[in-house]
Amino acid sequence: MRTRRCVVTAVTLSLLLFLSSLWLPQETVQSCEQSWRPCLSVFTPNREVVRAAVTDDALGGSDIIRECAGQQFQVSRLLLHLSSALGPASDVLLEPYLLCWEELIKFMESLGPLVGFFTHKVEEKITLIRQLALEESTTGDAQRVAPPPHRSHAYRSVRSMLEAELQRGVVSFDSQTPSGSRTLLRLHRSLLWLQLLLEKLATEREERSMGELCRDAYLEVLAPHHPWLVQRAAELVFHAMPDRKVFLQLVCVRTQKEAEPVIHVIVAAIQEIHRRTQTELEIRNMLDLP
């Protein structure tokens, strides 16, 4: 009996690890002026955008976003990164976009150890894009040289990355490749999953559990891209989700009513990032990269 339980546990953990490899749910900001470092991380935090969203009278005033002492995830920091990712001409700057994901990783990890299985793969994808950016900015084995001033860094934004990788032929429409474009697509899908989860947390009746809401969002966004085995393994995670009160604590409110305007601000910011990324992927026919 004991051996059987061990086998079942091992199989369960294997399924979760397998799921984490397919489910697509800090570095210091660097300057392009440093000769060998990637231009990816150059952006100007748009605090005015965050302040405007937070102080919108329709959202109930300027006190709805609070710093939550003693916890890693902070809504205010997530909103700052989201607003900073809004580049010119409806583009998305990559480094603040990746910083958004680092904050969202803290959010997911706060939902319990099983959900934490997914964060490892998200971290891998963040690292891959940053590594591509670093390789772009370096030449030779040991000597690191900045690109010419007139040359735009390929991994500075979503648009520049997608266009550069298409031109270089590193994006495959038939097989899996470790391109930044394919990696971004997986993160993009998971961002929509989180967006839908937050929307459901704001609109669904309080009797519905966090696990049920996660399942609904998963079935709508991610399940169509996953095989049957992965979908079944996802159920294990949904059953282990914490109570919705945990979410209230994460956004530093006490009641569902207090949480709704906070969620509204977060969702609005995520929607804009998702919309811009969706457009860039769609016009290049990259929404179904294998």
Protein backbone atom coordinates (compact mmCIF):
# COMPACT_ATOMS: atom_id res chain seq x y z
CA MET A 1 0.00 0.00 0.00
CA ARG A 2 2.82 2.36 0.91
CA THR A 3 4.59 1.60 -2.37
CA ARG A 4 1.39 2.27 -4.28
CA ARG A 5 0.96 5.67 -2.61
CA CYS A 6 4.53 6.58 -3.53
CA VAL A 7 3.92 5.61 -7.14
CA VAL A 8 0.71 7.68 -7.26
CA THR A 9 2.53 10.67 -5.76
CA ALA A 10 5.36 10.35 -8.26
CA VAL A 11 2.95 10.13 -11.18
CA THR A 12 1.04 13.17 -9.92
CA LEU A 13 4.19 15.24 -9.60
CA SER A 14 5.33 14.10 -13.04
CA LEU A 15 2.04 15.23 -14.53
CA LEU A 16 2.36 18.61 -12.86
CA LEU A 17 5.89 19.05 -14.13
CA PHE A 18 4.79 18.03 -17.61
CA LEU A 19 1.92 20.48 -17.39
CA SER A 20 4.24 23.24 -16.28
CA SER A 21 6.35 22.76 -19.40
CA LEU A 22 3.34 23.44 -21.62
CA TRP A 23 1.18 25.83 -19.58
CA LEU A 24 2.26 29.31 -20.33
CA PRO A 25 0.41 30.48 -17.43
CA GLN A 26 14.88 40.96 -10.81
CA GLU A 27 17.19 41.91 -12.83
CA THR A 28 18.41 45.46 -12.39
CA VAL A 29 17.29 47.87 -15.06
CA GLN A 30 20.24 48.57 -17.30
CA SER A 31 21.13 51.40 -19.63
CA CYS A 32 21.84 51.29 -23.35
CA GLU A 33 24.65 53.71 -22.68
CA GLN A 34 26.62 50.87 -21.08
CA SER A 35 28.55 49.63 -24.06
CA TRP A 36 27.88 45.90 -23.88
CA ARG A 37 24.43 45.72 -22.36
CA PRO A 38 21.23 45.11 -24.29
CA CYS A 39 19.00 48.04 -25.14
CA LEU A 40 16.06 45.85 -24.14
CA SER A 41 15.85 47.34 -20.68
CA VAL A 42 15.67 51.00 -21.61
CA PHE A 43 12.34 52.58 -20.75
CA THR A 44 10.94 55.51 -18.85
CA PRO A 45 8.44 54.53 -16.14
CA ASN A 46 5.24 56.33 -17.00
CA ARG A 47 4.08 57.13 -13.49
CA GLU A 48 1.56 59.64 -14.82
CA VAL A 49 -0.35 56.83 -16.55
CA VAL A 50 -0.50 54.83 -13.33
CA ARG A 51 -1.56 57.86 -11.31
CA ALA A 52 -4.24 58.75 -13.85
CA ALA A 53 -5.68 55.24 -13.73
CA VAL A 54 -5.62 55.10 -9.96
CA THR A 55 -7.17 58.52 -9.40
CA ASP A 56 -9.96 58.14 -11.94
CA ASP A 57 -13.10 59.34 -10.16
CA ALA A 58 -15.04 56.46 -11.67
CA LEU A 59 -12.82 54.06 -9.78
CA GLY A 60 -13.45 55.57 -6.42
CA GLY A 61 -10.54 57.91 -5.79
CA SER A 62 -6.82 57.64 -5.20
CA ASP A 63 -6.86 55.25 -2.25
CA ILE A 64 -7.83 52.06 -4.07
CA ILE A 65 -4.24 50.96 -4.75
CA ARG A 66 -2.30 50.39 -1.56
CA GLU A 67 1.13 49.04 -0.75
CA CYS A 68 0.72 45.74 1.09
CA ALA A 69 3.35 45.47 3.80
CA GLY A 70 5.05 42.14 4.29
CA GLN A 71 4.32 40.53 0.92
CA GLN A 72 6.24 40.14 -2.31
CA PHE A 73 3.48 40.90 -4.82
CA GLN A 74 2.48 44.56 -5.10
CA VAL A 75 -0.32 45.84 -7.34
CA SER A 76 1.28 49.28 -7.58
CA ARG A 77 4.53 47.80 -8.88
CA LEU A 78 2.67 45.67 -11.45
CA LEU A 79 0.79 48.75 -12.69
CA LEU A 80 4.02 50.72 -12.96
CA HIS A 81 5.61 48.03 -15.15
CA LEU A 82 2.46 47.71 -17.26
CA SER A 83 2.32 51.42 -17.95
CA SER A 84 6.05 51.55 -18.61
CA ALA A 85 5.65 48.84 -21.26
CA LEU A 86 3.41 51.13 -23.36
CA GLY A 87 5.80 52.19 -26.08
CA PRO A 88 5.29 54.72 -28.88
CA ALA A 89 3.02 53.99 -31.85
CA SER A 90 1.10 51.27 -29.95
CA ASP A 91 4.24 49.18 -29.46
CA VAL A 92 5.15 47.22 -26.31
CA LEU A 93 8.61 47.62 -24.75
CA LEU A 94 10.00 44.21 -23.89
CA GLU A 95 11.92 44.78 -20.67
CA PRO A 96 9.05 46.36 -18.70
CA TYR A 97 6.81 43.66 -20.20
CA LEU A 98 9.13 41.03 -18.72
CA LEU A 99 9.16 42.92 -15.42
CA CYS A 100 5.36 42.65 -15.44
CA TRP A 101 5.76 38.90 -15.65
CA GLU A 102 8.22 38.86 -12.77
CA GLU A 103 5.58 40.58 -10.64
CA LEU A 104 2.89 38.19 -11.88
CA ILE A 105 5.14 35.27 -10.92
CA LYS A 106 5.03 36.58 -7.35
CA PHE A 107 1.25 36.68 -7.63
CA MET A 108 1.04 33.08 -8.84
CA GLU A 109 3.49 31.82 -6.22
CA SER A 110 1.31 33.40 -3.54
CA LEU A 111 -1.56 31.14 -4.64
CA GLY A 112 0.19 28.02 -3.39
CA PRO A 113 3.02 25.56 -4.13
CA LEU A 114 1.19 23.69 -6.90
CA VAL A 115 0.63 26.88 -8.87
CA GLY A 116 4.31 27.56 -8.30
CA PHE A 117 5.13 24.71 -10.67
CA PHE A 118 4.16 27.00 -13.54
CA THR A 119 6.36 29.87 -12.50
CA HIS A 120 9.57 27.98 -13.28
CA LYS A 121 8.68 27.71 -16.97
CA VAL A 122 7.63 31.35 -17.09
CA GLU A 123 11.00 32.30 -15.62
CA GLU A 124 12.72 30.20 -18.29
CA LYS A 125 10.90 32.13 -21.00
CA ILE A 126 11.83 35.47 -19.49
CA THR A 127 15.45 34.33 -19.34
CA LEU A 128 15.37 33.12 -22.96
CA ILE A 129 14.20 36.48 -24.32
CA ARG A 130 16.77 38.34 -22.23
CA GLN A 131 19.48 35.98 -23.40
CA LEU A 132 18.55 36.61 -27.02
CA ALA A 133 18.74 40.34 -26.30
CA LEU A 134 22.18 39.94 -24.74
CA GLU A 135 23.45 37.92 -27.70
CA GLU A 136 22.10 40.59 -30.02
CA SER A 137 24.12 43.25 -28.25
CA THR A 138 27.42 41.35 -28.20
CA THR A 139 29.95 40.40 -30.86
CA GLY A 140 32.84 38.01 -30.61
CA ASP A 141 33.60 35.58 -27.82
CA ALA A 142 34.99 37.90 -25.20
CA GLN A 143 34.71 41.46 -26.53
CA ARG A 144 31.35 43.14 -26.10
CA VAL A 145 30.64 46.03 -28.41
CA ALA A 146 27.56 48.23 -28.55
CA PRO A 147 25.66 48.27 -31.85
CA PRO A 148 26.02 51.39 -34.01
CA PRO A 149 23.96 54.34 -32.73
CA HIS A 150 21.78 54.34 -35.85
CA ARG A 151 20.89 50.68 -35.45
CA SER A 152 17.74 49.93 -33.48
CA HIS A 153 18.10 47.04 -31.05
CA ALA A 154 16.05 44.08 -32.29
CA TYR A 155 14.88 43.08 -28.80
CA ARG A 156 13.88 46.51 -27.58
CA SER A 157 10.18 45.99 -28.24
CA VAL A 158 7.63 43.41 -29.33
CA ARG A 159 7.41 44.89 -32.83
CA SER A 160 11.15 45.11 -33.40
CA MET A 161 11.71 41.55 -32.12
CA LEU A 162 9.00 39.98 -34.28
CA GLU A 163 10.14 41.85 -37.38
CA ALA A 164 13.84 41.10 -36.85
CA GLU A 165 13.28 37.39 -36.24
CA LEU A 166 11.08 37.11 -39.32
CA GLN A 167 13.72 38.77 -41.48
CA ARG A 168 16.45 36.49 -40.07
CA GLY A 169 14.42 33.36 -40.70
CA VAL A 170 14.58 32.13 -37.09
CA VAL A 171 10.81 31.80 -36.78
CA SER A 172 9.35 28.53 -38.01
CA PHE A 173 5.67 28.18 -38.86
CA ASP A 174 5.99 24.37 -39.07
CA SER A 175 8.15 23.26 -36.12
CA GLN A 176 9.08 24.40 -32.63
CA THR A 177 12.07 26.74 -32.43
CA PRO A 178 13.57 28.61 -29.46
CA SER A 179 12.72 32.00 -30.94
CA GLY A 180 11.68 35.05 -28.99
CA SER A 181 8.53 35.23 -31.10
CA ARG A 182 7.33 31.75 -30.16
CA THR A 183 8.25 32.37 -26.52
CA LEU A 184 6.34 35.64 -26.49
CA LEU A 185 3.26 33.91 -27.93
CA ARG A 186 3.17 31.48 -24.97
CA LEU A 187 3.47 34.34 -22.49
CA HIS A 188 0.82 36.24 -24.42
CA ARG A 189 -1.69 33.40 -24.07
CA SER A 190 -1.01 33.08 -20.37
CA LEU A 191 -1.46 36.81 -19.88
CA LEU A 192 -4.96 36.47 -21.30
CA TRP A 193 -5.61 33.59 -18.89
CA LEU A 194 -4.65 35.80 -15.96
CA GLN A 195 -6.73 38.66 -17.34
CA LEU A 196 -9.82 36.45 -17.57
CA LEU A 197 -9.21 35.09 -14.08
CA LEU A 198 -9.10 38.62 -12.67
CA GLU A 199 -12.26 39.57 -14.55
CA LYS A 200 -14.06 36.57 -13.10
CA LEU A 201 -12.82 37.43 -9.61
CA ALA A 202 -14.46 40.84 -10.02
CA THR A 203 -17.74 39.71 -11.56
CA GLU A 204 -18.52 36.15 -10.46
CA ARG A 205 -20.49 35.56 -7.26
CA GLU A 206 -18.43 35.06 -4.14
CA GLU A 207 -19.64 31.47 -3.70
CA ARG A 208 -17.57 30.38 -6.68
CA SER A 209 -14.13 29.21 -5.61
CA MET A 210 -10.77 30.37 -6.93
CA GLY A 211 -10.26 26.91 -8.42
CA GLU A 212 -13.53 27.08 -10.35
CA LEU A 213 -12.68 30.49 -11.76
CA CYS A 214 -9.18 29.34 -12.75
CA ARG A 215 -10.68 26.31 -14.48
CA ASP A 216 -13.16 28.42 -16.43
CA ALA A 217 -10.42 30.79 -17.62
CA TYR A 218 -8.15 27.86 -18.46
CA LEU A 219 -10.80 26.07 -20.53
CA GLU A 220 -11.48 29.25 -22.46
CA VAL A 221 -7.90 30.28 -23.23
CA LEU A 222 -5.26 27.60 -22.67
CA ALA A 223 -7.00 24.22 -22.87
CA PRO A 224 -7.49 24.44 -26.67
CA HIS A 225 -3.68 24.47 -26.99
CA HIS A 226 -3.07 21.53 -24.64
CA PRO A 227 -3.43 17.76 -25.11
CA TRP A 228 -5.91 15.75 -23.07
CA LEU A 229 -3.33 14.60 -20.53
CA VAL A 230 -2.29 18.13 -19.70
CA GLN A 231 -5.90 19.21 -19.29
CA ARG A 232 -6.50 16.40 -16.81
CA ALA A 233 -3.36 17.29 -14.87
CA ALA A 234 -4.53 20.90 -14.67
CA GLU A 235 -7.52 19.72 -12.66
CA LEU A 236 -5.15 18.73 -9.85
CA VAL A 237 -3.96 22.29 -9.60
CA PHE A 238 -7.46 23.76 -9.66
CA HIS A 239 -8.53 21.55 -6.77
CA ALA A 240 -5.57 22.81 -4.73
CA MET A 241 -6.25 26.51 -5.22
CA PRO A 242 -6.67 28.57 -2.04
CA ASP A 243 -9.77 30.39 -0.89
CA ARG A 244 -10.69 33.67 -2.59
CA LYS A 245 -9.82 35.46 0.65
CA VAL A 246 -6.17 34.89 -0.24
CA PHE A 247 -6.64 37.04 -3.33
CA LEU A 248 -8.20 39.83 -1.27
CA GLN A 249 -5.12 39.82 0.92
CA LEU A 250 -2.84 39.97 -2.12
CA VAL A 251 -4.47 43.18 -3.37
CA CYS A 252 -4.62 44.58 0.17
CA VAL A 253 -8.41 44.83 0.56
CA ARG A 254 -10.87 43.31 3.01
CA THR A 255 -13.99 42.71 0.96
CA GLN A 256 -15.07 41.74 -2.54
CA LYS A 257 -16.57 45.20 -3.02
CA GLU A 258 -13.24 46.85 -2.21
CA ALA A 259 -11.45 44.50 -4.60
CA GLU A 260 -13.57 45.30 -7.66
CA PRO A 261 -12.14 48.78 -8.48
CA VAL A 262 -8.61 47.48 -7.89
CA ILE A 263 -9.20 44.61 -10.31
CA HIS A 264 -10.72 47.04 -12.81
CA VAL A 265 -7.49 49.07 -12.90
CA ILE A 266 -5.30 45.97 -13.27
CA VAL A 267 -7.47 44.42 -15.99
CA ALA A 268 -7.59 47.66 -17.98
CA ALA A 269 -3.79 47.87 -17.96
CA ILE A 270 -3.35 44.21 -18.93
CA GLN A 271 -5.95 44.53 -21.69
CA GLU A 272 -4.00 47.32 -23.38
CA ILE A 273 -0.75 45.34 -23.30
CA HIS A 274 -2.54 42.25 -24.58
CA ARG A 275 -4.32 44.20 -27.34
CA ARG A 276 -1.09 45.70 -28.65
CA THR A 277 0.75 42.37 -28.57
CA GLN A 278 -2.18 40.61 -30.21
CA THR A 279 -2.12 43.10 -33.07
CA GLU A 280 1.61 42.65 -33.69
CA LEU A 281 1.32 38.86 -33.69
CA GLU A 282 -1.80 38.85 -35.83
CA ILE A 283 -0.50 41.01 -38.66
CA ARG A 284 2.48 38.63 -38.98
CA ASN A 285 0.30 35.49 -38.79
CA MET A 286 2.08 34.38 -35.61
CA LEU A 287 -0.90 33.50 -33.42
CA ASP A 288 -0.52 29.77 -34.11
CA LEU A 289 3.23 29.21 -34.00
CA PRO A 290 3.89 25.55 -33.04
